[in-house]
Amino acid sequence: MARSLSLYRRRAGIIDLTLPVRAGVASYNFQFATNFDGSYTTFQNVPSNGLISTTASDPASDSSGFRGLTRFLFNPADYTAAFPTLLDTVPLWIKIVPISTAGVTGTAEAGQLILPYSSTPDRPVNISGSAPSAVSIAGSLEIQLPRQCRNLQIQNNDTTNPMFVAFEPGGSEFEVFALASKFTNFGFTYPVVTQLFVRGSGGTVTFNATMSIRNNPIG
């Protein structure tokens, strides 16, 4: 699916997320996990008109820039006492669950990686976890990356089972052979990606992926 959240601003002590206002949605349960394949926990219900957590600083001088958007501006430290692994200094995976105006809980959407603040250009992104066993892309796990990323390398750590990866919903899949059998990784240098759809064939597959955030608009 399309990316659920946009990261408007990331600074130390600030995670500023937005999403377009949706008809028929009253609020969103914001959930977090420490890895994309982990267990997600709701840490805040955010009404459709937005929310700012207790100690988050709002540097936006004109709120009109957020018209038509649900904005959730929060300081992770406001939640650490109740959720000790929700920290400002570690990568977080955030997903949303919409709640309709009739009170019906919708389907959880894809987890998106939120990195700790850093001013480093072309910073590396490393992820590691499990791809579910599935017979087609319909059963793939959707992973939303923090921004456009390039220099992608994926390593299949299973001893025998191949892994398949796609870069858009319903897109063409590429096979990532088990490193133990083919002694090679899957990767490319210049194309950019914003999301991964991963699955194992014949069983769950553990994998690593590394890439860099694309900061240079012409390179």
N, C-alpha and C. Protein backbone atom coordinates (compact mmCIF):
# COMPACT_ATOMS: atom_id res chain seq x y z
N MET A 1 0.84 -1.18 0.00
CA MET A 1 0.00 0.00 0.00
C MET A 1 0.88 1.24 0.00
N ALA A 2 0.26 2.40 -0.20
CA ALA A 2 1.01 3.64 -0.14
C ALA A 2 1.51 3.88 1.29
N ARG A 3 2.57 4.64 1.40
CA ARG A 3 3.13 4.97 2.71
C ARG A 3 2.06 5.66 3.56
N SER A 4 1.89 5.21 4.80
CA SER A 4 0.88 5.79 5.69
C SER A 4 1.30 7.13 6.24
N LEU A 5 2.56 7.25 6.65
CA LEU A 5 3.02 8.41 7.41
C LEU A 5 4.09 9.17 6.65
N SER A 6 4.12 10.47 6.87
CA SER A 6 5.22 11.31 6.39
C SER A 6 5.95 11.87 7.60
N LEU A 7 7.26 11.77 7.57
CA LEU A 7 8.08 12.31 8.65
C LEU A 7 8.39 13.76 8.32
N TYR A 8 7.68 14.68 8.95
CA TYR A 8 7.84 16.10 8.66
C TYR A 8 9.12 16.64 9.27
N ARG A 9 9.44 16.20 10.48
CA ARG A 9 10.64 16.72 11.16
C ARG A 9 11.16 15.67 12.12
N ARG A 10 12.49 15.52 12.16
CA ARG A 10 13.13 14.65 13.15
C ARG A 10 14.30 15.39 13.75
N ARG A 11 14.21 15.63 15.04
CA ARG A 11 15.29 16.24 15.80
C ARG A 11 15.39 15.51 17.13
N ALA A 12 16.44 15.77 17.88
CA ALA A 12 16.54 15.17 19.20
C ALA A 12 15.32 15.58 20.02
N GLY A 13 14.59 14.61 20.52
CA GLY A 13 13.41 14.88 21.32
C GLY A 13 12.17 15.22 20.52
N ILE A 14 12.22 15.11 19.20
CA ILE A 14 11.07 15.45 18.36
C ILE A 14 10.90 14.42 17.25
N ILE A 15 9.73 13.82 17.18
CA ILE A 15 9.31 13.05 16.01
C ILE A 15 7.99 13.68 15.56
N ASP A 16 7.98 14.23 14.37
CA ASP A 16 6.84 14.99 13.86
C ASP A 16 6.27 14.25 12.65
N LEU A 17 5.12 13.59 12.83
CA LEU A 17 4.53 12.75 11.80
C LEU A 17 3.21 13.34 11.32
N THR A 18 2.93 13.20 10.04
CA THR A 18 1.65 13.63 9.49
C THR A 18 1.09 12.57 8.57
N LEU A 19 -0.22 12.63 8.37
CA LEU A 19 -0.90 11.82 7.36
C LEU A 19 -2.14 12.57 6.92
N PRO A 20 -2.56 12.40 5.69
CA PRO A 20 -3.76 13.11 5.22
C PRO A 20 -4.98 12.70 6.03
N VAL A 21 -5.83 13.68 6.34
CA VAL A 21 -7.09 13.39 7.02
C VAL A 21 -7.91 12.44 6.16
N ARG A 22 -8.48 11.41 6.77
CA ARG A 22 -9.25 10.41 6.04
C ARG A 22 -10.73 10.50 6.43
N ALA A 23 -11.58 10.46 5.44
CA ALA A 23 -13.02 10.48 5.70
C ALA A 23 -13.42 9.24 6.49
N GLY A 24 -14.25 9.45 7.50
CA GLY A 24 -14.78 8.33 8.27
C GLY A 24 -13.85 7.80 9.34
N VAL A 25 -12.69 8.44 9.54
CA VAL A 25 -11.74 8.00 10.57
C VAL A 25 -11.76 9.02 11.71
N ALA A 26 -12.00 8.52 12.93
CA ALA A 26 -12.05 9.40 14.10
C ALA A 26 -10.70 9.55 14.77
N SER A 27 -9.90 8.50 14.76
CA SER A 27 -8.60 8.53 15.44
C SER A 27 -7.72 7.41 14.92
N TYR A 28 -6.48 7.41 15.40
CA TYR A 28 -5.52 6.38 15.02
C TYR A 28 -4.80 5.89 16.27
N ASN A 29 -4.67 4.59 16.39
CA ASN A 29 -3.77 4.03 17.40
C ASN A 29 -2.36 4.00 16.80
N PHE A 30 -1.46 4.73 17.41
CA PHE A 30 -0.06 4.69 16.98
C PHE A 30 0.64 3.59 17.76
N GLN A 31 1.30 2.70 17.03
CA GLN A 31 1.98 1.56 17.62
C GLN A 31 3.47 1.61 17.29
N PHE A 32 4.27 1.00 18.17
CA PHE A 32 5.70 0.95 17.90
C PHE A 32 6.24 -0.45 18.18
N ALA A 33 7.38 -0.74 17.57
CA ALA A 33 8.14 -1.96 17.83
C ALA A 33 9.61 -1.62 17.65
N THR A 34 10.46 -2.45 18.19
CA THR A 34 11.90 -2.21 18.06
C THR A 34 12.48 -2.87 16.82
N ASN A 35 11.68 -3.70 16.13
CA ASN A 35 12.10 -4.26 14.85
C ASN A 35 10.87 -4.49 13.99
N PHE A 36 11.05 -4.52 12.69
CA PHE A 36 9.91 -4.61 11.78
C PHE A 36 9.12 -5.90 11.94
N ASP A 37 9.75 -6.97 12.39
CA ASP A 37 9.06 -8.25 12.55
C ASP A 37 8.70 -8.52 14.01
N GLY A 38 8.79 -7.49 14.85
CA GLY A 38 8.50 -7.65 16.27
C GLY A 38 7.03 -7.44 16.57
N SER A 39 6.73 -7.46 17.85
CA SER A 39 5.36 -7.25 18.33
C SER A 39 5.13 -5.75 18.53
N TYR A 40 4.09 -5.23 17.89
CA TYR A 40 3.79 -3.80 17.97
C TYR A 40 2.85 -3.52 19.15
N THR A 41 3.12 -2.41 19.84
CA THR A 41 2.35 -2.01 21.01
C THR A 41 1.78 -0.61 20.81
N THR A 42 0.50 -0.43 21.10
CA THR A 42 -0.10 0.90 21.03
C THR A 42 0.43 1.77 22.17
N PHE A 43 0.95 2.94 21.84
CA PHE A 43 1.43 3.85 22.88
C PHE A 43 0.65 5.15 22.93
N GLN A 44 -0.14 5.45 21.87
CA GLN A 44 -0.92 6.68 21.88
C GLN A 44 -2.07 6.59 20.89
N ASN A 45 -3.26 6.98 21.33
CA ASN A 45 -4.37 7.18 20.41
C ASN A 45 -4.39 8.65 20.03
N VAL A 46 -4.39 8.91 18.72
CA VAL A 46 -4.31 10.28 18.21
C VAL A 46 -5.60 10.61 17.47
N PRO A 47 -6.35 11.62 17.92
CA PRO A 47 -7.57 12.01 17.21
C PRO A 47 -7.24 12.53 15.82
N SER A 48 -8.22 12.53 14.95
CA SER A 48 -7.98 12.93 13.57
C SER A 48 -7.55 14.39 13.44
N ASN A 49 -7.84 15.21 14.46
CA ASN A 49 -7.38 16.61 14.42
C ASN A 49 -5.98 16.78 15.00
N GLY A 50 -5.33 15.68 15.34
CA GLY A 50 -3.93 15.73 15.74
C GLY A 50 -3.69 15.81 17.23
N LEU A 51 -2.42 15.69 17.61
CA LEU A 51 -2.05 15.70 19.02
C LEU A 51 -0.57 16.05 19.16
N ILE A 52 -0.24 16.78 20.21
CA ILE A 52 1.14 17.08 20.58
C ILE A 52 1.36 16.55 21.98
N SER A 53 2.41 15.75 22.18
CA SER A 53 2.65 15.15 23.49
C SER A 53 3.12 16.20 24.49
N THR A 54 3.17 15.82 25.74
CA THR A 54 3.30 16.76 26.86
C THR A 54 4.48 17.71 26.74
N THR A 55 5.67 17.18 26.43
CA THR A 55 6.86 18.03 26.44
C THR A 55 7.42 18.31 25.05
N ALA A 56 6.69 17.90 24.01
CA ALA A 56 7.19 18.13 22.65
C ALA A 56 7.15 19.61 22.34
N SER A 57 8.21 20.11 21.74
CA SER A 57 8.29 21.52 21.36
C SER A 57 7.81 21.67 19.92
N ASP A 58 6.88 22.61 19.70
CA ASP A 58 6.33 22.82 18.36
C ASP A 58 7.01 24.02 17.72
N PRO A 59 7.96 23.78 16.80
CA PRO A 59 8.68 24.90 16.19
C PRO A 59 7.97 25.49 14.98
N ALA A 60 6.84 24.91 14.57
CA ALA A 60 6.14 25.41 13.40
C ALA A 60 5.48 26.75 13.72
N SER A 61 5.77 27.76 12.91
CA SER A 61 5.25 29.10 13.19
C SER A 61 3.87 29.31 12.60
N ASP A 62 3.46 28.48 11.65
CA ASP A 62 2.17 28.67 10.99
C ASP A 62 1.45 27.33 10.89
N SER A 63 0.42 27.16 11.69
CA SER A 63 -0.30 25.90 11.71
C SER A 63 -1.10 25.65 10.43
N SER A 64 -1.28 26.70 9.60
CA SER A 64 -2.03 26.52 8.37
C SER A 64 -1.33 25.55 7.42
N GLY A 65 -0.04 25.35 7.63
CA GLY A 65 0.69 24.40 6.80
C GLY A 65 0.26 22.97 7.02
N PHE A 66 -0.53 22.74 8.08
CA PHE A 66 -0.96 21.38 8.40
C PHE A 66 -2.46 21.18 8.15
N ARG A 67 -3.07 22.10 7.43
CA ARG A 67 -4.48 21.92 7.09
C ARG A 67 -4.66 20.68 6.23
N GLY A 68 -5.68 19.92 6.56
CA GLY A 68 -5.93 18.69 5.81
C GLY A 68 -5.08 17.52 6.25
N LEU A 69 -4.32 17.72 7.32
CA LEU A 69 -3.42 16.68 7.81
C LEU A 69 -3.74 16.34 9.27
N THR A 70 -3.57 15.09 9.62
CA THR A 70 -3.51 14.68 11.01
C THR A 70 -2.05 14.70 11.41
N ARG A 71 -1.73 15.49 12.43
CA ARG A 71 -0.34 15.65 12.84
C ARG A 71 -0.15 15.09 14.24
N PHE A 72 0.89 14.28 14.40
CA PHE A 72 1.27 13.75 15.71
C PHE A 72 2.71 14.14 15.97
N LEU A 73 2.88 15.11 16.84
CA LEU A 73 4.21 15.61 17.23
C LEU A 73 4.47 15.12 18.64
N PHE A 74 5.55 14.33 18.80
CA PHE A 74 5.78 13.79 20.14
C PHE A 74 7.26 13.67 20.47
N ASN A 75 7.50 13.72 21.76
CA ASN A 75 8.83 13.46 22.33
C ASN A 75 8.81 12.02 22.86
N PRO A 76 9.65 11.13 22.35
CA PRO A 76 9.65 9.75 22.85
C PRO A 76 9.79 9.65 24.36
N ALA A 77 10.50 10.62 24.97
CA ALA A 77 10.69 10.59 26.42
C ALA A 77 9.38 10.70 27.19
N ASP A 78 8.34 11.24 26.55
CA ASP A 78 7.04 11.34 27.21
C ASP A 78 6.39 9.97 27.41
N TYR A 79 6.91 8.95 26.72
CA TYR A 79 6.31 7.62 26.78
C TYR A 79 7.24 6.56 27.36
N THR A 80 8.49 6.93 27.62
CA THR A 80 9.48 5.93 28.01
C THR A 80 9.16 5.27 29.35
N ALA A 81 8.57 6.02 30.28
CA ALA A 81 8.26 5.43 31.59
C ALA A 81 7.30 4.26 31.44
N ALA A 82 6.30 4.42 30.59
CA ALA A 82 5.33 3.34 30.38
C ALA A 82 5.81 2.31 29.37
N PHE A 83 6.69 2.75 28.45
CA PHE A 83 7.18 1.86 27.39
C PHE A 83 8.71 2.02 27.34
N PRO A 84 9.44 1.27 28.16
CA PRO A 84 10.89 1.50 28.32
C PRO A 84 11.71 1.35 27.04
N THR A 85 11.21 0.63 26.05
CA THR A 85 11.98 0.47 24.81
C THR A 85 11.66 1.54 23.77
N LEU A 86 10.73 2.44 24.09
CA LEU A 86 10.42 3.55 23.18
C LEU A 86 11.37 4.70 23.53
N LEU A 87 12.50 4.72 22.86
CA LEU A 87 13.58 5.64 23.18
C LEU A 87 13.88 6.56 22.00
N ASP A 88 14.37 7.74 22.31
CA ASP A 88 14.71 8.72 21.28
C ASP A 88 16.00 8.37 20.55
N THR A 89 16.82 7.52 21.13
CA THR A 89 18.16 7.26 20.62
C THR A 89 18.31 5.95 19.86
N VAL A 90 17.22 5.26 19.61
CA VAL A 90 17.29 3.98 18.89
C VAL A 90 16.31 4.00 17.73
N PRO A 91 16.53 3.17 16.70
CA PRO A 91 15.55 3.09 15.62
C PRO A 91 14.22 2.57 16.14
N LEU A 92 13.14 3.16 15.64
CA LEU A 92 11.79 2.75 16.01
C LEU A 92 11.00 2.41 14.76
N TRP A 93 10.14 1.43 14.88
CA TRP A 93 9.20 1.10 13.81
C TRP A 93 7.82 1.55 14.27
N ILE A 94 7.18 2.40 13.47
CA ILE A 94 5.89 2.98 13.81
C ILE A 94 4.85 2.54 12.77
N LYS A 95 3.68 2.15 13.26
CA LYS A 95 2.56 1.87 12.36
C LYS A 95 1.29 2.44 12.96
N ILE A 96 0.26 2.57 12.12
CA ILE A 96 -1.01 3.10 12.60
C ILE A 96 -2.12 2.09 12.38
N VAL A 97 -3.13 2.20 13.27
CA VAL A 97 -4.36 1.42 13.15
C VAL A 97 -5.51 2.42 13.17
N PRO A 98 -6.24 2.59 12.07
CA PRO A 98 -7.34 3.56 12.06
C PRO A 98 -8.55 3.08 12.85
N ILE A 99 -9.20 4.02 13.52
CA ILE A 99 -10.44 3.76 14.25
C ILE A 99 -11.54 4.60 13.60
N SER A 100 -12.59 3.95 13.11
CA SER A 100 -13.64 4.68 12.39
C SER A 100 -14.50 5.51 13.33
N THR A 101 -15.29 6.42 12.75
CA THR A 101 -16.21 7.24 13.54
C THR A 101 -17.28 6.38 14.21
N ALA A 102 -17.47 5.15 13.72
CA ALA A 102 -18.40 4.22 14.36
C ALA A 102 -17.73 3.38 15.44
N GLY A 103 -16.44 3.63 15.67
CA GLY A 103 -15.71 2.90 16.71
C GLY A 103 -15.15 1.57 16.26
N VAL A 104 -15.10 1.32 14.95
CA VAL A 104 -14.59 0.05 14.43
C VAL A 104 -13.09 0.16 14.21
N THR A 105 -12.36 -0.80 14.77
CA THR A 105 -10.90 -0.82 14.60
C THR A 105 -10.53 -1.43 13.25
N GLY A 106 -9.76 -0.68 12.47
CA GLY A 106 -9.35 -1.13 11.15
C GLY A 106 -8.12 -2.02 11.20
N THR A 107 -7.58 -2.27 10.03
CA THR A 107 -6.40 -3.13 9.89
C THR A 107 -5.13 -2.32 10.12
N ALA A 108 -4.20 -2.90 10.85
CA ALA A 108 -2.91 -2.24 11.07
C ALA A 108 -2.19 -2.08 9.73
N GLU A 109 -1.59 -0.92 9.53
CA GLU A 109 -0.87 -0.64 8.29
C GLU A 109 0.62 -0.93 8.46
N ALA A 110 1.37 -0.79 7.40
CA ALA A 110 2.76 -1.24 7.41
C ALA A 110 3.62 -0.45 8.38
N GLY A 111 4.58 -1.12 9.00
CA GLY A 111 5.53 -0.45 9.87
C GLY A 111 6.51 0.40 9.08
N GLN A 112 6.81 1.57 9.61
CA GLN A 112 7.75 2.49 8.97
C GLN A 112 8.91 2.78 9.91
N LEU A 113 10.11 2.74 9.38
CA LEU A 113 11.31 2.95 10.18
C LEU A 113 11.53 4.43 10.45
N ILE A 114 11.68 4.78 11.73
CA ILE A 114 12.03 6.14 12.16
C ILE A 114 13.40 6.05 12.83
N LEU A 115 14.38 6.68 12.23
CA LEU A 115 15.74 6.61 12.75
C LEU A 115 15.99 7.69 13.80
N PRO A 116 16.97 7.47 14.69
CA PRO A 116 17.37 8.56 15.60
C PRO A 116 17.88 9.75 14.80
N TYR A 117 17.82 10.92 15.39
CA TYR A 117 18.29 12.11 14.68
C TYR A 117 19.79 12.02 14.43
N SER A 118 20.18 12.42 13.22
CA SER A 118 21.59 12.53 12.87
C SER A 118 21.71 13.49 11.71
N SER A 119 22.75 14.30 11.71
CA SER A 119 22.99 15.23 10.60
C SER A 119 23.91 14.63 9.54
N THR A 120 24.29 13.38 9.70
CA THR A 120 25.22 12.74 8.77
C THR A 120 24.58 12.54 7.40
N PRO A 121 25.21 13.00 6.33
CA PRO A 121 24.65 12.77 4.99
C PRO A 121 24.86 11.32 4.55
N ASP A 122 23.98 10.85 3.69
CA ASP A 122 24.09 9.49 3.14
C ASP A 122 24.30 8.45 4.23
N ARG A 123 23.60 8.61 5.34
CA ARG A 123 23.80 7.73 6.48
C ARG A 123 23.33 6.31 6.15
N PRO A 124 23.98 5.30 6.71
CA PRO A 124 23.60 3.92 6.44
C PRO A 124 22.32 3.54 7.17
N VAL A 125 21.58 2.64 6.56
CA VAL A 125 20.39 2.04 7.16
C VAL A 125 20.60 0.53 7.13
N ASN A 126 20.53 -0.09 8.30
CA ASN A 126 20.71 -1.54 8.41
C ASN A 126 19.48 -2.14 9.08
N ILE A 127 18.91 -3.15 8.46
CA ILE A 127 17.79 -3.86 9.07
C ILE A 127 18.07 -5.35 9.04
N SER A 128 17.49 -6.06 9.99
CA SER A 128 17.71 -7.50 10.11
C SER A 128 16.49 -8.12 10.75
N GLY A 129 16.01 -9.22 10.19
CA GLY A 129 14.84 -9.88 10.75
C GLY A 129 14.40 -11.04 9.89
N SER A 130 13.10 -11.34 9.95
CA SER A 130 12.57 -12.51 9.26
C SER A 130 11.53 -12.11 8.23
N ALA A 131 11.60 -12.77 7.07
CA ALA A 131 10.57 -12.64 6.04
C ALA A 131 9.63 -13.83 6.17
N PRO A 132 8.32 -13.60 6.17
CA PRO A 132 7.39 -14.71 6.36
C PRO A 132 7.38 -15.66 5.16
N SER A 133 6.98 -16.89 5.42
CA SER A 133 6.83 -17.86 4.34
C SER A 133 5.53 -17.57 3.60
N ALA A 134 5.58 -17.43 2.28
CA ALA A 134 4.39 -17.14 1.48
C ALA A 134 4.63 -17.63 0.06
N VAL A 135 3.53 -17.90 -0.65
CA VAL A 135 3.64 -18.45 -2.01
C VAL A 135 3.58 -17.36 -3.07
N SER A 136 3.23 -16.13 -2.69
CA SER A 136 3.18 -15.03 -3.66
C SER A 136 3.39 -13.72 -2.93
N ILE A 137 3.50 -12.65 -3.69
CA ILE A 137 3.73 -11.33 -3.11
C ILE A 137 2.57 -10.91 -2.20
N ALA A 138 1.38 -11.49 -2.42
CA ALA A 138 0.24 -11.15 -1.58
C ALA A 138 0.49 -11.46 -0.11
N GLY A 139 1.36 -12.41 0.18
CA GLY A 139 1.67 -12.77 1.56
C GLY A 139 2.95 -12.15 2.08
N SER A 140 3.54 -11.25 1.30
CA SER A 140 4.80 -10.62 1.70
C SER A 140 4.61 -9.67 2.87
N LEU A 141 5.69 -9.45 3.61
CA LEU A 141 5.73 -8.44 4.66
C LEU A 141 6.13 -7.11 4.03
N GLU A 142 5.33 -6.08 4.27
CA GLU A 142 5.62 -4.74 3.74
C GLU A 142 6.47 -3.98 4.75
N ILE A 143 7.58 -3.43 4.28
CA ILE A 143 8.50 -2.65 5.11
C ILE A 143 8.65 -1.27 4.49
N GLN A 144 8.29 -0.23 5.25
CA GLN A 144 8.44 1.14 4.78
C GLN A 144 9.75 1.71 5.30
N LEU A 145 10.59 2.18 4.39
CA LEU A 145 11.89 2.73 4.74
C LEU A 145 11.76 4.21 5.11
N PRO A 146 12.76 4.78 5.79
CA PRO A 146 12.60 6.15 6.30
C PRO A 146 12.52 7.22 5.22
N ARG A 147 13.21 7.01 4.11
CA ARG A 147 13.19 7.96 2.99
C ARG A 147 13.59 7.19 1.75
N GLN A 148 13.96 7.90 0.68
CA GLN A 148 14.54 7.20 -0.47
C GLN A 148 15.89 6.64 -0.07
N CYS A 149 16.12 5.38 -0.42
CA CYS A 149 17.38 4.72 -0.09
C CYS A 149 17.99 4.12 -1.34
N ARG A 150 19.31 4.03 -1.35
CA ARG A 150 20.03 3.46 -2.50
C ARG A 150 21.15 2.57 -1.98
N ASN A 151 21.96 2.03 -2.91
CA ASN A 151 23.07 1.13 -2.57
C ASN A 151 22.57 -0.08 -1.77
N LEU A 152 21.44 -0.62 -2.20
CA LEU A 152 20.80 -1.72 -1.47
C LEU A 152 21.58 -3.03 -1.63
N GLN A 153 21.77 -3.73 -0.51
CA GLN A 153 22.32 -5.08 -0.50
C GLN A 153 21.48 -5.92 0.45
N ILE A 154 21.01 -7.08 -0.03
CA ILE A 154 20.21 -7.99 0.79
C ILE A 154 20.91 -9.33 0.86
N GLN A 155 21.04 -9.84 2.08
CA GLN A 155 21.68 -11.14 2.31
C GLN A 155 20.66 -12.11 2.90
N ASN A 156 20.44 -13.21 2.21
CA ASN A 156 19.54 -14.27 2.67
C ASN A 156 20.34 -15.22 3.54
N ASN A 157 20.02 -15.28 4.84
CA ASN A 157 20.80 -16.08 5.78
C ASN A 157 20.28 -17.50 5.98
N ASP A 158 19.22 -17.86 5.24
CA ASP A 158 18.71 -19.22 5.35
C ASP A 158 19.69 -20.19 4.69
N THR A 159 19.66 -21.44 5.12
CA THR A 159 20.59 -22.41 4.56
C THR A 159 20.17 -22.92 3.19
N THR A 160 18.86 -22.91 2.90
CA THR A 160 18.38 -23.47 1.63
C THR A 160 17.29 -22.65 0.95
N ASN A 161 16.37 -22.08 1.73
CA ASN A 161 15.18 -21.46 1.12
C ASN A 161 15.51 -20.13 0.47
N PRO A 162 14.99 -19.90 -0.74
CA PRO A 162 15.17 -18.59 -1.36
C PRO A 162 14.24 -17.57 -0.73
N MET A 163 14.55 -16.32 -0.99
CA MET A 163 13.75 -15.19 -0.54
C MET A 163 13.38 -14.37 -1.77
N PHE A 164 12.22 -13.74 -1.72
CA PHE A 164 11.81 -12.89 -2.83
C PHE A 164 11.53 -11.49 -2.31
N VAL A 165 11.94 -10.49 -3.11
CA VAL A 165 11.75 -9.10 -2.72
C VAL A 165 11.15 -8.33 -3.89
N ALA A 166 10.22 -7.44 -3.58
CA ALA A 166 9.66 -6.51 -4.55
C ALA A 166 9.71 -5.12 -3.95
N PHE A 167 9.50 -4.11 -4.81
CA PHE A 167 9.69 -2.74 -4.37
C PHE A 167 8.43 -1.88 -4.50
N GLU A 168 7.31 -2.52 -4.86
CA GLU A 168 6.04 -1.83 -4.92
C GLU A 168 4.93 -2.86 -4.80
N PRO A 169 3.73 -2.47 -4.37
CA PRO A 169 2.65 -3.43 -4.22
C PRO A 169 2.34 -4.12 -5.56
N GLY A 170 2.33 -5.43 -5.55
CA GLY A 170 2.04 -6.17 -6.77
C GLY A 170 3.12 -6.10 -7.82
N GLY A 171 4.30 -5.58 -7.46
CA GLY A 171 5.38 -5.42 -8.42
C GLY A 171 6.11 -6.71 -8.71
N SER A 172 7.02 -6.66 -9.66
CA SER A 172 7.84 -7.82 -10.00
C SER A 172 8.72 -8.19 -8.82
N GLU A 173 8.88 -9.48 -8.60
CA GLU A 173 9.72 -9.96 -7.50
C GLU A 173 11.08 -10.39 -8.04
N PHE A 174 12.08 -10.22 -7.19
CA PHE A 174 13.43 -10.65 -7.50
C PHE A 174 13.87 -11.69 -6.48
N GLU A 175 14.50 -12.74 -6.96
CA GLU A 175 14.90 -13.81 -6.06
C GLU A 175 16.23 -13.49 -5.39
N VAL A 176 16.28 -13.72 -4.09
CA VAL A 176 17.51 -13.56 -3.32
C VAL A 176 17.90 -14.96 -2.86
N PHE A 177 18.93 -15.50 -3.46
CA PHE A 177 19.32 -16.88 -3.17
C PHE A 177 19.91 -16.99 -1.77
N ALA A 178 19.77 -18.17 -1.18
CA ALA A 178 20.39 -18.43 0.12
C ALA A 178 21.90 -18.28 -0.01
N LEU A 179 22.49 -17.50 0.86
CA LEU A 179 23.93 -17.26 0.80
C LEU A 179 24.71 -18.55 0.90
N ALA A 180 24.22 -19.49 1.71
CA ALA A 180 24.94 -20.75 1.92
C ALA A 180 24.99 -21.62 0.67
N SER A 181 24.07 -21.41 -0.27
CA SER A 181 24.03 -22.25 -1.46
C SER A 181 24.59 -21.57 -2.70
N LYS A 182 24.40 -20.25 -2.82
CA LYS A 182 24.84 -19.54 -4.03
C LYS A 182 26.00 -18.58 -3.77
N PHE A 183 26.29 -18.31 -2.50
CA PHE A 183 27.42 -17.46 -2.11
C PHE A 183 27.36 -16.07 -2.73
N THR A 184 26.16 -15.54 -2.83
CA THR A 184 26.02 -14.22 -3.41
C THR A 184 24.86 -13.48 -2.75
N ASN A 185 24.93 -12.15 -2.75
CA ASN A 185 23.87 -11.31 -2.25
C ASN A 185 23.11 -10.67 -3.42
N PHE A 186 21.98 -10.08 -3.11
CA PHE A 186 21.22 -9.32 -4.10
C PHE A 186 21.47 -7.85 -3.84
N GLY A 187 21.69 -7.07 -4.90
CA GLY A 187 21.89 -5.65 -4.66
C GLY A 187 21.99 -4.84 -5.92
N PHE A 188 21.90 -3.53 -5.75
CA PHE A 188 22.14 -2.58 -6.83
C PHE A 188 22.61 -1.28 -6.22
N THR A 189 23.18 -0.40 -7.06
CA THR A 189 23.82 0.81 -6.55
C THR A 189 22.98 2.06 -6.74
N TYR A 190 22.51 2.33 -7.93
CA TYR A 190 21.94 3.65 -8.22
C TYR A 190 20.43 3.77 -8.06
N PRO A 191 19.64 2.78 -8.41
CA PRO A 191 18.19 2.95 -8.22
C PRO A 191 17.84 3.21 -6.76
N VAL A 192 16.78 3.96 -6.52
CA VAL A 192 16.36 4.26 -5.16
C VAL A 192 15.07 3.53 -4.84
N VAL A 193 14.91 3.17 -3.58
CA VAL A 193 13.72 2.45 -3.12
C VAL A 193 13.21 3.13 -1.85
N THR A 194 11.90 3.01 -1.62
CA THR A 194 11.30 3.55 -0.40
C THR A 194 10.58 2.48 0.40
N GLN A 195 10.40 1.30 -0.17
CA GLN A 195 9.68 0.23 0.51
C GLN A 195 10.14 -1.12 -0.01
N LEU A 196 10.01 -2.13 0.83
CA LEU A 196 10.35 -3.50 0.48
C LEU A 196 9.15 -4.40 0.76
N PHE A 197 8.96 -5.39 -0.08
CA PHE A 197 7.96 -6.43 0.14
C PHE A 197 8.73 -7.76 0.12
N VAL A 198 8.83 -8.42 1.26
CA VAL A 198 9.72 -9.57 1.38
C VAL A 198 8.95 -10.81 1.82
N ARG A 199 9.37 -11.96 1.30
CA ARG A 199 8.79 -13.24 1.69
C ARG A 199 9.82 -14.34 1.48
N GLY A 200 9.70 -15.39 2.27
CA GLY A 200 10.48 -16.59 2.06
C GLY A 200 9.69 -17.58 1.23
N SER A 201 10.38 -18.44 0.51
CA SER A 201 9.73 -19.48 -0.28
C SER A 201 10.15 -20.83 0.29
N GLY A 202 9.17 -21.57 0.82
CA GLY A 202 9.48 -22.86 1.42
C GLY A 202 9.67 -22.79 2.92
N GLY A 203 9.62 -21.58 3.48
CA GLY A 203 9.79 -21.40 4.92
C GLY A 203 10.14 -19.97 5.24
N THR A 204 10.07 -19.63 6.51
CA THR A 204 10.49 -18.31 6.97
C THR A 204 11.98 -18.14 6.72
N VAL A 205 12.38 -16.97 6.28
CA VAL A 205 13.78 -16.71 5.93
C VAL A 205 14.29 -15.53 6.75
N THR A 206 15.42 -15.70 7.41
CA THR A 206 16.08 -14.58 8.08
C THR A 206 17.00 -13.88 7.09
N PHE A 207 17.06 -12.57 7.19
CA PHE A 207 17.85 -11.81 6.22
C PHE A 207 18.39 -10.54 6.85
N ASN A 208 19.40 -9.97 6.21
CA ASN A 208 19.93 -8.66 6.53
C ASN A 208 19.82 -7.80 5.28
N ALA A 209 19.61 -6.51 5.47
CA ALA A 209 19.64 -5.57 4.35
C ALA A 209 20.37 -4.32 4.80
N THR A 210 21.18 -3.79 3.92
CA THR A 210 21.88 -2.55 4.20
C THR A 210 21.73 -1.63 3.01
N MET A 211 21.65 -0.33 3.27
CA MET A 211 21.47 0.66 2.22
C MET A 211 21.87 2.01 2.79
N SER A 212 21.81 3.06 1.99
CA SER A 212 22.09 4.40 2.49
C SER A 212 20.97 5.33 2.10
N ILE A 213 20.66 6.29 2.98
CA ILE A 213 19.65 7.29 2.68
C ILE A 213 20.17 8.23 1.59
N ARG A 214 19.32 8.48 0.61
CA ARG A 214 19.70 9.37 -0.49
C ARG A 214 19.43 10.81 -0.10
N ASN A 215 20.50 11.56 0.15
CA ASN A 215 20.37 12.96 0.55
C ASN A 215 20.64 13.93 -0.59
N ASN A 216 21.48 13.52 -1.52
CA ASN A 216 21.87 14.40 -2.61
C ASN A 216 20.82 14.35 -3.71
N PRO A 217 20.15 15.46 -4.05
CA PRO A 217 19.07 15.42 -5.02
C PRO A 217 19.53 15.14 -6.44
N ILE A 218 20.84 15.25 -6.71
CA ILE A 218 21.31 15.02 -8.09
C ILE A 218 22.26 13.84 -8.19
N GLY A 219 22.49 13.15 -7.06
CA GLY A 219 23.44 12.04 -7.10
C GLY A 219 22.90 10.78 -6.53
